[in-house]
PDB file of N, CA and C in Angstrom:
ATOM      1  N   VAL A   1      -0.823 -32.239  14.983  1.00  0.00           N
ATOM      2  CA  VAL A   1      -1.857 -31.978  14.048  1.00  0.00           C
ATOM      3  C   VAL A   1      -1.810 -30.184  13.827  1.00  0.00           C
ATOM      4  N   PHE A   2      -1.557 -29.531  15.083  1.00  0.00           N
ATOM      5  CA  PHE A   2      -1.722 -28.310  14.386  1.00  0.00           C
ATOM      6  C   PHE A   2      -0.540 -27.497  13.670  1.00  0.00           C
ATOM      7  N   VAL A   3       0.899 -28.816  14.313  1.00  0.00           N
ATOM      8  CA  VAL A   3       1.783 -27.497  13.477  1.00  0.00           C
ATOM      9  C   VAL A   3       2.254 -28.368  11.932  1.00  0.00           C
ATOM     10  N   PRO A   4       2.072 -29.387  11.577  1.00  0.00           N
ATOM     11  CA  PRO A   4       2.014 -29.337  10.434  1.00  0.00           C
ATOM     12  C   PRO A   4       0.694 -28.135   9.256  1.00  0.00           C
ATOM     13  N   ASP A   5      -0.353 -28.391   9.848  1.00  0.00           N
ATOM     14  CA  ASP A   5      -0.420 -27.582   9.221  1.00  0.00           C
ATOM     15  C   ASP A   5      -0.376 -26.279   9.046  1.00  0.00           C
ATOM     16  N   TYR A   6      -0.091 -25.773  10.109  1.00  0.00           N
ATOM     17  CA  TYR A   6       0.577 -24.344  10.393  1.00  0.00           C
ATOM     18  C   TYR A   6       2.007 -24.403   9.065  1.00  0.00           C
ATOM     19  N   ASN A   7       2.614 -25.359   9.803  1.00  0.00           N
ATOM     20  CA  ASN A   7       3.845 -25.646   8.326  1.00  0.00           C
ATOM     21  C   ASN A   7       3.025 -25.027   7.178  1.00  0.00           C
ATOM     22  N   VAL A   8       2.543 -25.875   6.719  1.00  0.00           N
ATOM     23  CA  VAL A   8       1.535 -26.232   5.698  1.00  0.00           C
ATOM     24  C   VAL A   8       1.602 -24.592   5.463  1.00  0.00           C
ATOM     25  N   SER A   9       0.775 -23.997   5.304  1.00  0.00           N
ATOM     26  CA  SER A   9       0.233 -22.437   5.972  1.00  0.00           C
ATOM     27  C   SER A   9       1.039 -21.627   5.456  1.00  0.00           C
ATOM     28  N   VAL A  10       2.260 -21.766   6.095  1.00  0.00           N
ATOM     29  CA  VAL A  10       3.337 -20.915   5.987  1.00  0.00           C
ATOM     30  C   VAL A  10       4.497 -20.906   4.985  1.00  0.00           C
ATOM     31  N   ALA A  11       4.407 -22.177   5.049  1.00  0.00           N
ATOM     32  CA  ALA A  11       5.366 -22.684   3.766  1.00  0.00           C
ATOM     33  C   ALA A  11       5.037 -21.922   2.007  1.00  0.00           C
ATOM     34  N   GLU A  12       3.489 -22.223   2.375  1.00  0.00           N
ATOM     35  CA  GLU A  12       2.344 -21.839   1.148  1.00  0.00           C
ATOM     36  C   GLU A  12       2.588 -19.735   1.068  1.00  0.00           C
ATOM     37  N   VAL A  13       2.258 -19.067   1.969  1.00  0.00           N
ATOM     38  CA  VAL A  13       2.779 -17.652   1.689  1.00  0.00           C
ATOM     39  C   VAL A  13       4.300 -17.112   1.874  1.00  0.00           C
ATOM     40  N   VAL A  14       4.860 -17.777   2.204  1.00  0.00           N
ATOM     41  CA  VAL A  14       6.902 -18.065   2.166  1.00  0.00           C
ATOM     42  C   VAL A  14       7.018 -18.495   1.096  1.00  0.00           C
ATOM     43  N   ILE A  15       6.650 -19.245   0.654  1.00  0.00           N
ATOM     44  CA  ILE A  15       7.595 -20.105  -0.658  1.00  0.00           C
ATOM     45  C   ILE A  15       5.982 -19.740  -1.758  1.00  0.00           C
ATOM     46  N   PRO A  16       7.022 -18.878  -2.782  1.00  0.00           N
ATOM     47  CA  PRO A  16       6.335 -18.791  -4.213  1.00  0.00           C
ATOM     48  C   PRO A  16       5.900 -20.450  -4.897  1.00  0.00           C
ATOM     49  N   GLY A  17       4.993 -19.969  -5.477  1.00  0.00           N
ATOM     50  CA  GLY A  17       4.404 -21.403  -6.226  1.00  0.00           C
ATOM     51  C   GLY A  17       5.482 -21.950  -7.088  1.00  0.00           C
ATOM     52  N   SER A  18       6.173 -21.043  -7.574  1.00  0.00           N
ATOM     53  CA  SER A  18       7.047 -21.844  -8.764  1.00  0.00           C
ATOM     54  C   SER A  18       8.329 -22.432  -7.424  1.00  0.00           C
ATOM     55  N   ASP A  19       8.648 -22.216  -6.361  1.00  0.00           N
ATOM     56  CA  ASP A  19       9.915 -22.652  -5.930  1.00  0.00           C
ATOM     57  C   ASP A  19       9.162 -23.918  -5.264  1.00  0.00           C
ATOM     58  N   LEU A  20       7.761 -23.380  -4.785  1.00  0.00           N
ATOM     59  CA  LEU A  20       7.223 -25.160  -4.403  1.00  0.00           C
ATOM     60  C   LEU A  20       6.995 -25.999  -5.580  1.00  0.00           C
ATOM     61  N   SER A  21       7.008 -25.582  -6.394  1.00  0.00           N
ATOM     62  CA  SER A  21       6.493 -26.699  -7.618  1.00  0.00           C
ATOM     63  C   SER A  21       7.350 -27.726  -7.891  1.00  0.00           C
ATOM     64  N   GLN A  22       8.750 -26.577  -7.568  1.00  0.00           N
ATOM     65  CA  GLN A  22      10.356 -28.002  -7.915  1.00  0.00           C
ATOM     66  C   GLN A  22      11.082 -28.331  -6.355  1.00  0.00           C
ATOM     67  N   HIS A  23      10.225 -27.888  -5.362  1.00  0.00           N
ATOM     68  CA  HIS A  23      10.661 -28.912  -4.062  1.00  0.00           C
ATOM     69  C   HIS A  23       9.832 -30.209  -4.350  1.00  0.00           C
ATOM     70  N   ILE A  24       8.532 -29.916  -4.635  1.00  0.00           N
ATOM     71  CA  ILE A  24       8.250 -30.987  -5.084  1.00  0.00           C
ATOM     72  C   ILE A  24       8.648 -32.293  -6.394  1.00  0.00           C
TER      73      ILE A  24
END
């Protein structure tokens, strides 16, 4: 449960909003 949550947090900080939008 902690792993996915942590991954999302890191992705939000590391990956910019534009990149995240394109990824999805």
